Amino acid sequence: MASYLILTPPGATNRSEASDRYRDHTRFIRDGFSWTAFLFPTLWMLFHRLWLHAIAAFLLQGIALELMRQPGFFAAGAALLLGVHVLAALEGRHAVSSRLLGRGWTVENLVSAHDLTTAEEIHFSQLEQAPNPNIHSKNWDISATNTNTSRPGPSFGLPGYDGGR
């Protein structure tokens, strides 16, 4: 099961008043390994607007490739290249959440779910529902009369609706 960090933008209004706007601007960030960040760390960071991280990853990948070309430094270059990829895959999403928190986003919730759809359902099911004024109160008092004529009282020894046994 994965954990999803739920963030709301700085100008988000109350959840119950503007639920459509709230749902549109809420970000769900999955905590875990990112295969896309592992395979393409610099492009992934650029896509998520982590500019300084992307520049650092690009420079470290360049240094790693240059080390791999030098005789006797292939293992060091490969280790550095693998380290950049693994670090981007494991900590990239945390960097995205840190960037958003630095821009004024607030942590709304933390949800554990198998996938994003389930996490959204869990989080948005906690929204306060506005009362529906169109519910008519007539016919709410349904009598619990016993229509069984063969034997009075409850069957199978269960307590009756009148509170007795």
N, C-alpha and C. Protein backbone atom coordinates (compact mmCIF):
# COMPACT_ATOMS: atom_id res chain seq x y z
N MET A 1 0.83 -1.16 0.00
CA MET A 1 0.00 0.00 0.00
C MET A 1 0.88 1.24 0.00
N ALA A 2 0.49 2.23 -0.75
CA ALA A 2 1.26 3.46 -0.85
C ALA A 2 0.62 4.56 -0.03
N SER A 3 1.44 5.52 0.35
CA SER A 3 0.95 6.70 1.06
C SER A 3 0.87 7.86 0.08
N TYR A 4 -0.20 8.62 0.17
CA TYR A 4 -0.39 9.78 -0.68
C TYR A 4 -0.45 11.02 0.20
N LEU A 5 0.42 11.99 -0.06
CA LEU A 5 0.40 13.26 0.63
C LEU A 5 -0.53 14.18 -0.14
N ILE A 6 -1.49 14.76 0.55
CA ILE A 6 -2.51 15.58 -0.10
C ILE A 6 -2.24 17.03 0.23
N LEU A 7 -2.00 17.83 -0.81
CA LEU A 7 -1.67 19.24 -0.65
C LEU A 7 -2.73 20.12 -1.31
N THR A 8 -3.01 21.26 -0.67
CA THR A 8 -3.95 22.23 -1.24
C THR A 8 -3.22 23.54 -1.47
N PRO A 9 -3.61 24.29 -2.50
CA PRO A 9 -2.90 25.54 -2.83
C PRO A 9 -3.14 26.62 -1.78
N PRO A 10 -2.32 27.67 -1.80
CA PRO A 10 -2.46 28.70 -0.77
C PRO A 10 -3.78 29.44 -0.81
N GLY A 11 -4.41 29.58 -1.95
CA GLY A 11 -5.68 30.31 -2.04
C GLY A 11 -6.90 29.42 -1.97
N ALA A 12 -6.75 28.20 -1.49
CA ALA A 12 -7.89 27.27 -1.46
C ALA A 12 -8.91 27.72 -0.44
N THR A 13 -10.17 27.69 -0.85
CA THR A 13 -11.25 28.07 0.04
C THR A 13 -11.67 26.88 0.88
N ASN A 14 -12.68 27.06 1.66
CA ASN A 14 -13.19 26.00 2.52
C ASN A 14 -13.63 24.82 1.67
N ARG A 15 -13.35 23.61 2.14
CA ARG A 15 -13.66 22.41 1.37
C ARG A 15 -15.15 22.25 1.13
N SER A 16 -15.98 22.61 2.09
CA SER A 16 -17.41 22.35 1.95
C SER A 16 -18.09 23.38 1.06
N GLU A 17 -17.54 24.61 0.96
CA GLU A 17 -18.20 25.64 0.18
C GLU A 17 -17.95 25.50 -1.32
N ALA A 18 -16.72 25.27 -1.70
CA ALA A 18 -16.38 25.22 -3.12
C ALA A 18 -15.71 23.88 -3.42
N SER A 19 -16.48 22.83 -3.40
CA SER A 19 -15.89 21.50 -3.53
C SER A 19 -15.33 21.24 -4.94
N ASP A 20 -15.95 21.80 -6.00
CA ASP A 20 -15.43 21.57 -7.35
C ASP A 20 -14.07 22.24 -7.53
N ARG A 21 -13.95 23.47 -7.07
CA ARG A 21 -12.66 24.17 -7.17
C ARG A 21 -11.63 23.47 -6.28
N TYR A 22 -12.05 23.04 -5.13
CA TYR A 22 -11.16 22.35 -4.21
C TYR A 22 -10.64 21.05 -4.83
N ARG A 23 -11.53 20.30 -5.47
CA ARG A 23 -11.12 19.03 -6.09
C ARG A 23 -10.18 19.26 -7.26
N ASP A 24 -10.36 20.34 -8.00
CA ASP A 24 -9.53 20.60 -9.17
C ASP A 24 -8.10 20.97 -8.80
N HIS A 25 -7.91 21.63 -7.67
CA HIS A 25 -6.59 22.15 -7.33
C HIS A 25 -5.87 21.35 -6.26
N THR A 26 -6.43 20.27 -5.80
CA THR A 26 -5.79 19.44 -4.79
C THR A 26 -4.77 18.54 -5.47
N ARG A 27 -3.55 18.45 -4.88
CA ARG A 27 -2.50 17.60 -5.44
C ARG A 27 -2.29 16.38 -4.57
N PHE A 28 -2.23 15.22 -5.19
CA PHE A 28 -1.93 13.96 -4.53
C PHE A 28 -0.53 13.54 -4.95
N ILE A 29 0.38 13.45 -3.99
CA ILE A 29 1.76 13.08 -4.29
C ILE A 29 2.04 11.74 -3.62
N ARG A 30 2.33 10.75 -4.44
CA ARG A 30 2.57 9.39 -3.94
C ARG A 30 3.97 9.30 -3.36
N ASP A 31 4.08 8.71 -2.20
CA ASP A 31 5.37 8.49 -1.57
C ASP A 31 5.87 7.12 -2.00
N GLY A 32 6.96 7.10 -2.71
CA GLY A 32 7.50 5.83 -3.15
C GLY A 32 8.43 6.00 -4.34
N PHE A 33 8.86 4.88 -4.86
CA PHE A 33 9.81 4.84 -5.97
C PHE A 33 9.13 5.28 -7.25
N SER A 34 9.81 6.12 -8.04
CA SER A 34 9.28 6.59 -9.31
C SER A 34 10.15 6.04 -10.45
N TRP A 35 9.56 5.17 -11.25
CA TRP A 35 10.32 4.59 -12.36
C TRP A 35 10.67 5.63 -13.41
N THR A 36 9.79 6.57 -13.63
CA THR A 36 10.08 7.61 -14.61
C THR A 36 11.27 8.45 -14.17
N ALA A 37 11.31 8.80 -12.88
CA ALA A 37 12.44 9.56 -12.36
C ALA A 37 13.72 8.74 -12.39
N PHE A 38 13.60 7.43 -12.23
CA PHE A 38 14.79 6.57 -12.29
C PHE A 38 15.35 6.51 -13.70
N LEU A 39 14.49 6.37 -14.69
CA LEU A 39 14.95 6.22 -16.07
C LEU A 39 15.38 7.54 -16.69
N PHE A 40 14.68 8.63 -16.39
CA PHE A 40 14.97 9.95 -16.98
C PHE A 40 14.99 11.02 -15.88
N PRO A 41 16.01 11.04 -15.03
CA PRO A 41 15.97 11.94 -13.89
C PRO A 41 15.94 13.42 -14.25
N THR A 42 16.76 13.85 -15.19
CA THR A 42 16.80 15.27 -15.53
C THR A 42 15.50 15.72 -16.17
N LEU A 43 14.98 14.95 -17.10
CA LEU A 43 13.71 15.32 -17.74
C LEU A 43 12.56 15.30 -16.75
N TRP A 44 12.56 14.34 -15.83
CA TRP A 44 11.52 14.27 -14.82
C TRP A 44 11.56 15.51 -13.94
N MET A 45 12.75 15.92 -13.54
CA MET A 45 12.88 17.11 -12.69
C MET A 45 12.50 18.37 -13.43
N LEU A 46 12.83 18.46 -14.71
CA LEU A 46 12.40 19.62 -15.49
C LEU A 46 10.88 19.66 -15.63
N PHE A 47 10.28 18.52 -15.83
CA PHE A 47 8.82 18.45 -15.95
C PHE A 47 8.13 18.91 -14.67
N HIS A 48 8.73 18.59 -13.52
CA HIS A 48 8.14 18.97 -12.24
C HIS A 48 8.68 20.30 -11.72
N ARG A 49 9.38 21.04 -12.57
CA ARG A 49 9.87 22.39 -12.29
C ARG A 49 10.85 22.43 -11.12
N LEU A 50 11.66 21.42 -11.02
CA LEU A 50 12.74 21.40 -10.03
C LEU A 50 14.02 21.83 -10.76
N TRP A 51 14.13 23.12 -11.02
CA TRP A 51 15.16 23.63 -11.91
C TRP A 51 16.57 23.38 -11.37
N LEU A 52 16.83 23.73 -10.12
CA LEU A 52 18.17 23.54 -9.56
C LEU A 52 18.53 22.07 -9.42
N HIS A 53 17.55 21.26 -9.06
CA HIS A 53 17.79 19.81 -8.98
C HIS A 53 18.13 19.25 -10.36
N ALA A 54 17.43 19.73 -11.38
CA ALA A 54 17.68 19.25 -12.74
C ALA A 54 19.07 19.64 -13.22
N ILE A 55 19.47 20.87 -12.90
CA ILE A 55 20.82 21.31 -13.30
C ILE A 55 21.88 20.47 -12.60
N ALA A 56 21.68 20.22 -11.29
CA ALA A 56 22.64 19.41 -10.54
C ALA A 56 22.69 17.99 -11.08
N ALA A 57 21.53 17.40 -11.39
CA ALA A 57 21.51 16.04 -11.93
C ALA A 57 22.19 15.99 -13.29
N PHE A 58 21.96 17.00 -14.12
CA PHE A 58 22.58 17.04 -15.45
C PHE A 58 24.10 17.12 -15.33
N LEU A 59 24.57 17.99 -14.42
CA LEU A 59 26.01 18.12 -14.24
C LEU A 59 26.63 16.84 -13.68
N LEU A 60 25.98 16.24 -12.70
CA LEU A 60 26.50 14.99 -12.13
C LEU A 60 26.50 13.85 -13.15
N GLN A 61 25.48 13.80 -14.00
CA GLN A 61 25.46 12.77 -15.05
C GLN A 61 26.59 13.01 -16.05
N GLY A 62 26.84 14.27 -16.37
CA GLY A 62 27.95 14.59 -17.27
C GLY A 62 29.29 14.21 -16.68
N ILE A 63 29.47 14.51 -15.39
CA ILE A 63 30.72 14.13 -14.71
C ILE A 63 30.85 12.61 -14.67
N ALA A 64 29.75 11.92 -14.40
CA ALA A 64 29.79 10.46 -14.35
C ALA A 64 30.15 9.87 -15.71
N LEU A 65 29.58 10.40 -16.77
CA LEU A 65 29.91 9.89 -18.11
C LEU A 65 31.37 10.17 -18.46
N GLU A 66 31.87 11.33 -18.06
CA GLU A 66 33.28 11.64 -18.32
C GLU A 66 34.20 10.72 -17.51
N LEU A 67 33.82 10.42 -16.26
CA LEU A 67 34.61 9.48 -15.47
C LEU A 67 34.60 8.08 -16.09
N MET A 68 33.49 7.69 -16.66
CA MET A 68 33.40 6.36 -17.28
C MET A 68 34.31 6.26 -18.50
N ARG A 69 34.59 7.38 -19.15
CA ARG A 69 35.46 7.38 -20.33
C ARG A 69 36.93 7.28 -19.95
N GLN A 70 37.26 7.72 -18.74
CA GLN A 70 38.66 7.71 -18.30
C GLN A 70 39.06 6.30 -17.88
N PRO A 71 40.28 5.87 -18.22
CA PRO A 71 40.73 4.53 -17.82
C PRO A 71 40.89 4.43 -16.30
N GLY A 72 40.33 3.39 -15.75
CA GLY A 72 40.44 3.14 -14.32
C GLY A 72 39.35 3.79 -13.48
N PHE A 73 38.51 4.62 -14.07
CA PHE A 73 37.45 5.29 -13.32
C PHE A 73 36.05 4.89 -13.78
N PHE A 74 35.96 3.80 -14.52
CA PHE A 74 34.65 3.37 -15.02
C PHE A 74 33.70 3.03 -13.87
N ALA A 75 34.19 2.31 -12.87
CA ALA A 75 33.33 1.91 -11.75
C ALA A 75 32.85 3.13 -10.96
N ALA A 76 33.72 4.11 -10.78
CA ALA A 76 33.33 5.32 -10.04
C ALA A 76 32.28 6.10 -10.83
N GLY A 77 32.47 6.19 -12.13
CA GLY A 77 31.49 6.90 -12.96
C GLY A 77 30.15 6.19 -12.99
N ALA A 78 30.19 4.85 -13.09
CA ALA A 78 28.94 4.08 -13.10
C ALA A 78 28.22 4.19 -11.76
N ALA A 79 28.98 4.18 -10.65
CA ALA A 79 28.37 4.32 -9.33
C ALA A 79 27.75 5.70 -9.17
N LEU A 80 28.42 6.73 -9.65
CA LEU A 80 27.87 8.09 -9.58
C LEU A 80 26.61 8.22 -10.43
N LEU A 81 26.63 7.65 -11.61
CA LEU A 81 25.46 7.70 -12.49
C LEU A 81 24.28 6.94 -11.88
N LEU A 82 24.54 5.77 -11.35
CA LEU A 82 23.49 4.99 -10.70
C LEU A 82 22.97 5.72 -9.46
N GLY A 83 23.86 6.35 -8.72
CA GLY A 83 23.46 7.10 -7.53
C GLY A 83 22.53 8.26 -7.86
N VAL A 84 22.81 8.96 -8.94
CA VAL A 84 21.93 10.07 -9.36
C VAL A 84 20.55 9.53 -9.73
N HIS A 85 20.51 8.44 -10.45
CA HIS A 85 19.23 7.87 -10.87
C HIS A 85 18.42 7.36 -9.67
N VAL A 86 19.09 6.67 -8.75
CA VAL A 86 18.39 6.13 -7.58
C VAL A 86 17.91 7.26 -6.67
N LEU A 87 18.76 8.27 -6.48
CA LEU A 87 18.38 9.40 -5.63
C LEU A 87 17.18 10.15 -6.22
N ALA A 88 17.17 10.34 -7.52
CA ALA A 88 16.03 11.00 -8.16
C ALA A 88 14.76 10.16 -8.02
N ALA A 89 14.89 8.85 -8.13
CA ALA A 89 13.72 7.99 -8.05
C ALA A 89 13.15 7.92 -6.64
N LEU A 90 14.02 7.92 -5.63
CA LEU A 90 13.56 7.78 -4.25
C LEU A 90 13.14 9.11 -3.63
N GLU A 91 13.84 10.19 -3.93
CA GLU A 91 13.59 11.46 -3.26
C GLU A 91 12.99 12.54 -4.16
N GLY A 92 12.71 12.22 -5.40
CA GLY A 92 12.16 13.21 -6.32
C GLY A 92 10.80 13.72 -5.91
N ARG A 93 9.93 12.83 -5.50
CA ARG A 93 8.59 13.25 -5.10
C ARG A 93 8.62 14.06 -3.81
N HIS A 94 9.56 13.74 -2.92
CA HIS A 94 9.71 14.55 -1.71
C HIS A 94 10.17 15.96 -2.08
N ALA A 95 11.03 16.09 -3.07
CA ALA A 95 11.47 17.41 -3.52
C ALA A 95 10.30 18.20 -4.11
N VAL A 96 9.41 17.52 -4.82
CA VAL A 96 8.23 18.19 -5.37
C VAL A 96 7.34 18.70 -4.24
N SER A 97 7.11 17.87 -3.23
CA SER A 97 6.26 18.31 -2.12
C SER A 97 6.93 19.43 -1.33
N SER A 98 8.23 19.39 -1.17
CA SER A 98 8.95 20.46 -0.48
C SER A 98 8.86 21.77 -1.24
N ARG A 99 8.94 21.69 -2.57
CA ARG A 99 8.81 22.90 -3.38
C ARG A 99 7.42 23.50 -3.23
N LEU A 100 6.39 22.66 -3.26
CA LEU A 100 5.04 23.17 -3.11
C LEU A 100 4.80 23.74 -1.71
N LEU A 101 5.32 23.09 -0.69
CA LEU A 101 5.17 23.61 0.67
C LEU A 101 5.89 24.94 0.83
N GLY A 102 7.02 25.10 0.16
CA GLY A 102 7.74 26.36 0.19
C GLY A 102 7.00 27.48 -0.51
N ARG A 103 6.11 27.14 -1.41
CA ARG A 103 5.32 28.14 -2.12
C ARG A 103 3.99 28.44 -1.44
N GLY A 104 3.78 27.88 -0.26
CA GLY A 104 2.58 28.21 0.51
C GLY A 104 1.49 27.17 0.49
N TRP A 105 1.70 26.05 -0.16
CA TRP A 105 0.71 24.98 -0.14
C TRP A 105 0.65 24.41 1.28
N THR A 106 -0.49 23.85 1.63
CA THR A 106 -0.65 23.27 2.97
C THR A 106 -0.92 21.78 2.85
N VAL A 107 -0.44 21.05 3.85
CA VAL A 107 -0.68 19.61 3.90
C VAL A 107 -2.08 19.41 4.45
N GLU A 108 -2.94 18.80 3.65
CA GLU A 108 -4.33 18.59 4.04
C GLU A 108 -4.52 17.25 4.74
N ASN A 109 -3.87 16.22 4.22
CA ASN A 109 -4.11 14.89 4.74
C ASN A 109 -3.01 13.95 4.26
N LEU A 110 -2.95 12.79 4.85
CA LEU A 110 -2.07 11.71 4.42
C LEU A 110 -2.92 10.45 4.38
N VAL A 111 -3.02 9.84 3.19
CA VAL A 111 -3.92 8.71 2.98
C VAL A 111 -3.12 7.51 2.50
N SER A 112 -3.40 6.35 3.03
CA SER A 112 -2.81 5.10 2.55
C SER A 112 -3.83 4.40 1.66
N ALA A 113 -3.42 4.10 0.44
CA ALA A 113 -4.33 3.45 -0.52
C ALA A 113 -3.51 2.67 -1.53
N HIS A 114 -4.19 1.77 -2.25
CA HIS A 114 -3.52 0.96 -3.26
C HIS A 114 -3.22 1.74 -4.53
N ASP A 115 -4.08 2.69 -4.89
CA ASP A 115 -3.87 3.47 -6.10
C ASP A 115 -4.42 4.88 -5.89
N LEU A 116 -4.20 5.74 -6.89
CA LEU A 116 -4.60 7.15 -6.80
C LEU A 116 -6.11 7.30 -6.72
N THR A 117 -6.85 6.51 -7.47
CA THR A 117 -8.31 6.61 -7.47
C THR A 117 -8.86 6.31 -6.08
N THR A 118 -8.36 5.28 -5.44
CA THR A 118 -8.82 4.94 -4.10
C THR A 118 -8.44 6.03 -3.10
N ALA A 119 -7.25 6.61 -3.24
CA ALA A 119 -6.85 7.70 -2.35
C ALA A 119 -7.76 8.91 -2.52
N GLU A 120 -8.13 9.22 -3.75
CA GLU A 120 -9.06 10.34 -3.98
C GLU A 120 -10.42 10.05 -3.37
N GLU A 121 -10.91 8.82 -3.54
CA GLU A 121 -12.20 8.47 -2.96
C GLU A 121 -12.18 8.57 -1.44
N ILE A 122 -11.10 8.11 -0.82
CA ILE A 122 -11.00 8.17 0.64
C ILE A 122 -10.96 9.61 1.10
N HIS A 123 -10.17 10.43 0.45
CA HIS A 123 -10.03 11.82 0.89
C HIS A 123 -11.30 12.63 0.66
N PHE A 124 -11.87 12.52 -0.53
CA PHE A 124 -13.03 13.33 -0.84
C PHE A 124 -14.31 12.82 -0.20
N SER A 125 -14.31 11.59 0.31
CA SER A 125 -15.49 11.10 1.02
C SER A 125 -15.60 11.76 2.39
N GLN A 126 -14.53 12.36 2.85
CA GLN A 126 -14.54 13.04 4.14
C GLN A 126 -15.05 14.48 4.03
N LEU A 127 -15.38 14.93 2.81
CA LEU A 127 -15.92 16.27 2.64
C LEU A 127 -17.27 16.38 3.32
N GLU A 128 -17.52 17.53 3.89
CA GLU A 128 -18.81 17.73 4.53
C GLU A 128 -19.87 17.91 3.44
N GLN A 129 -20.90 17.12 3.52
CA GLN A 129 -21.97 17.19 2.55
C GLN A 129 -22.99 18.24 2.99
N ALA A 130 -23.44 19.05 2.06
CA ALA A 130 -24.47 20.05 2.36
C ALA A 130 -25.80 19.33 2.53
N PRO A 131 -26.60 19.74 3.51
CA PRO A 131 -27.90 19.07 3.70
C PRO A 131 -28.81 19.33 2.52
N ASN A 132 -29.56 18.29 2.15
CA ASN A 132 -30.48 18.39 1.04
C ASN A 132 -31.84 18.87 1.56
N PRO A 133 -32.27 20.08 1.18
CA PRO A 133 -33.53 20.61 1.71
C PRO A 133 -34.77 19.99 1.06
N ASN A 134 -34.61 19.15 0.05
CA ASN A 134 -35.76 18.59 -0.66
C ASN A 134 -36.25 17.28 -0.08
N ILE A 135 -35.77 16.88 1.08
CA ILE A 135 -36.22 15.64 1.69
C ILE A 135 -37.52 15.92 2.42
N HIS A 136 -38.57 15.20 2.07
CA HIS A 136 -39.88 15.40 2.69
C HIS A 136 -39.99 14.50 3.91
N SER A 137 -40.54 15.06 4.98
CA SER A 137 -40.60 14.31 6.23
C SER A 137 -41.88 13.52 6.40
N LYS A 138 -42.75 13.54 5.42
CA LYS A 138 -43.97 12.76 5.57
C LYS A 138 -43.66 11.28 5.37
N ASN A 139 -44.45 10.44 6.00
CA ASN A 139 -44.33 8.98 5.96
C ASN A 139 -43.05 8.46 6.61
N TRP A 140 -42.49 9.22 7.53
CA TRP A 140 -41.33 8.72 8.25
C TRP A 140 -41.73 7.85 9.42
N ASP A 141 -42.89 8.07 9.96
CA ASP A 141 -43.34 7.30 11.12
C ASP A 141 -44.06 6.05 10.61
N ILE A 142 -43.30 5.00 10.43
CA ILE A 142 -43.84 3.73 9.95
C ILE A 142 -44.11 2.88 11.18
N SER A 143 -45.33 2.47 11.32
CA SER A 143 -45.68 1.69 12.50
C SER A 143 -45.10 0.28 12.37
N ALA A 144 -44.71 -0.27 13.51
CA ALA A 144 -44.12 -1.60 13.55
C ALA A 144 -45.14 -2.57 14.13
N THR A 145 -46.27 -2.62 13.54
CA THR A 145 -47.31 -3.52 14.04
C THR A 145 -47.02 -4.93 13.58
N ASN A 146 -47.40 -5.88 14.39
CA ASN A 146 -47.20 -7.28 14.08
C ASN A 146 -48.43 -7.78 13.33
N THR A 147 -48.24 -8.19 12.10
CA THR A 147 -49.36 -8.68 11.28
C THR A 147 -49.45 -10.19 11.29
N ASN A 148 -48.65 -10.85 12.08
CA ASN A 148 -48.67 -12.30 12.18
C ASN A 148 -49.84 -12.70 13.08
N THR A 149 -50.81 -13.42 12.52
CA THR A 149 -51.99 -13.80 13.29
C THR A 149 -51.85 -15.16 13.96
N SER A 150 -50.87 -15.94 13.58
CA SER A 150 -50.75 -17.28 14.15
C SER A 150 -50.17 -17.25 15.56
N ARG A 151 -49.25 -16.34 15.81
CA ARG A 151 -48.63 -16.28 17.12
C ARG A 151 -48.26 -14.82 17.41
N PRO A 152 -48.67 -14.29 18.52
CA PRO A 152 -48.31 -12.90 18.83
C PRO A 152 -46.86 -12.80 19.30
N GLY A 153 -46.27 -11.63 19.11
CA GLY A 153 -44.91 -11.38 19.58
C GLY A 153 -43.87 -11.73 18.53
N PRO A 154 -42.62 -11.55 18.89
CA PRO A 154 -41.54 -11.81 17.94
C PRO A 154 -41.33 -13.30 17.72
N SER A 155 -40.73 -13.63 16.59
CA SER A 155 -40.46 -15.03 16.30
C SER A 155 -39.02 -15.37 16.63
N PHE A 156 -38.71 -16.62 16.84
CA PHE A 156 -37.39 -17.16 17.15
C PHE A 156 -36.80 -16.54 18.42
N GLY A 157 -37.61 -16.07 19.32
CA GLY A 157 -37.13 -15.58 20.60
C GLY A 157 -36.42 -14.23 20.54
N LEU A 158 -36.54 -13.52 19.42
CA LEU A 158 -35.90 -12.22 19.30
C LEU A 158 -36.74 -11.16 20.02
N PRO A 159 -36.13 -10.12 20.54
CA PRO A 159 -36.93 -9.08 21.23
C PRO A 159 -37.80 -8.35 20.24
N GLY A 160 -38.96 -7.94 20.68
CA GLY A 160 -39.89 -7.22 19.82
C GLY A 160 -39.53 -5.76 19.73
N TYR A 161 -40.25 -5.04 18.88
CA TYR A 161 -39.98 -3.62 18.70
C TYR A 161 -40.50 -2.78 19.85
N ASP A 162 -41.36 -3.36 20.70
CA ASP A 162 -41.89 -2.61 21.82
C ASP A 162 -40.93 -2.59 22.99
N GLY A 163 -39.80 -3.23 22.89
CA GLY A 163 -38.78 -3.20 23.91
C GLY A 163 -38.83 -4.38 24.85
N GLY A 164 -39.83 -5.23 24.77
CA GLY A 164 -39.94 -6.38 25.66
C GLY A 164 -39.33 -7.62 25.08
N ARG A 165 -39.37 -8.69 25.86
CA ARG A 165 -38.87 -9.98 25.39
C ARG A 165 -39.98 -10.96 25.27
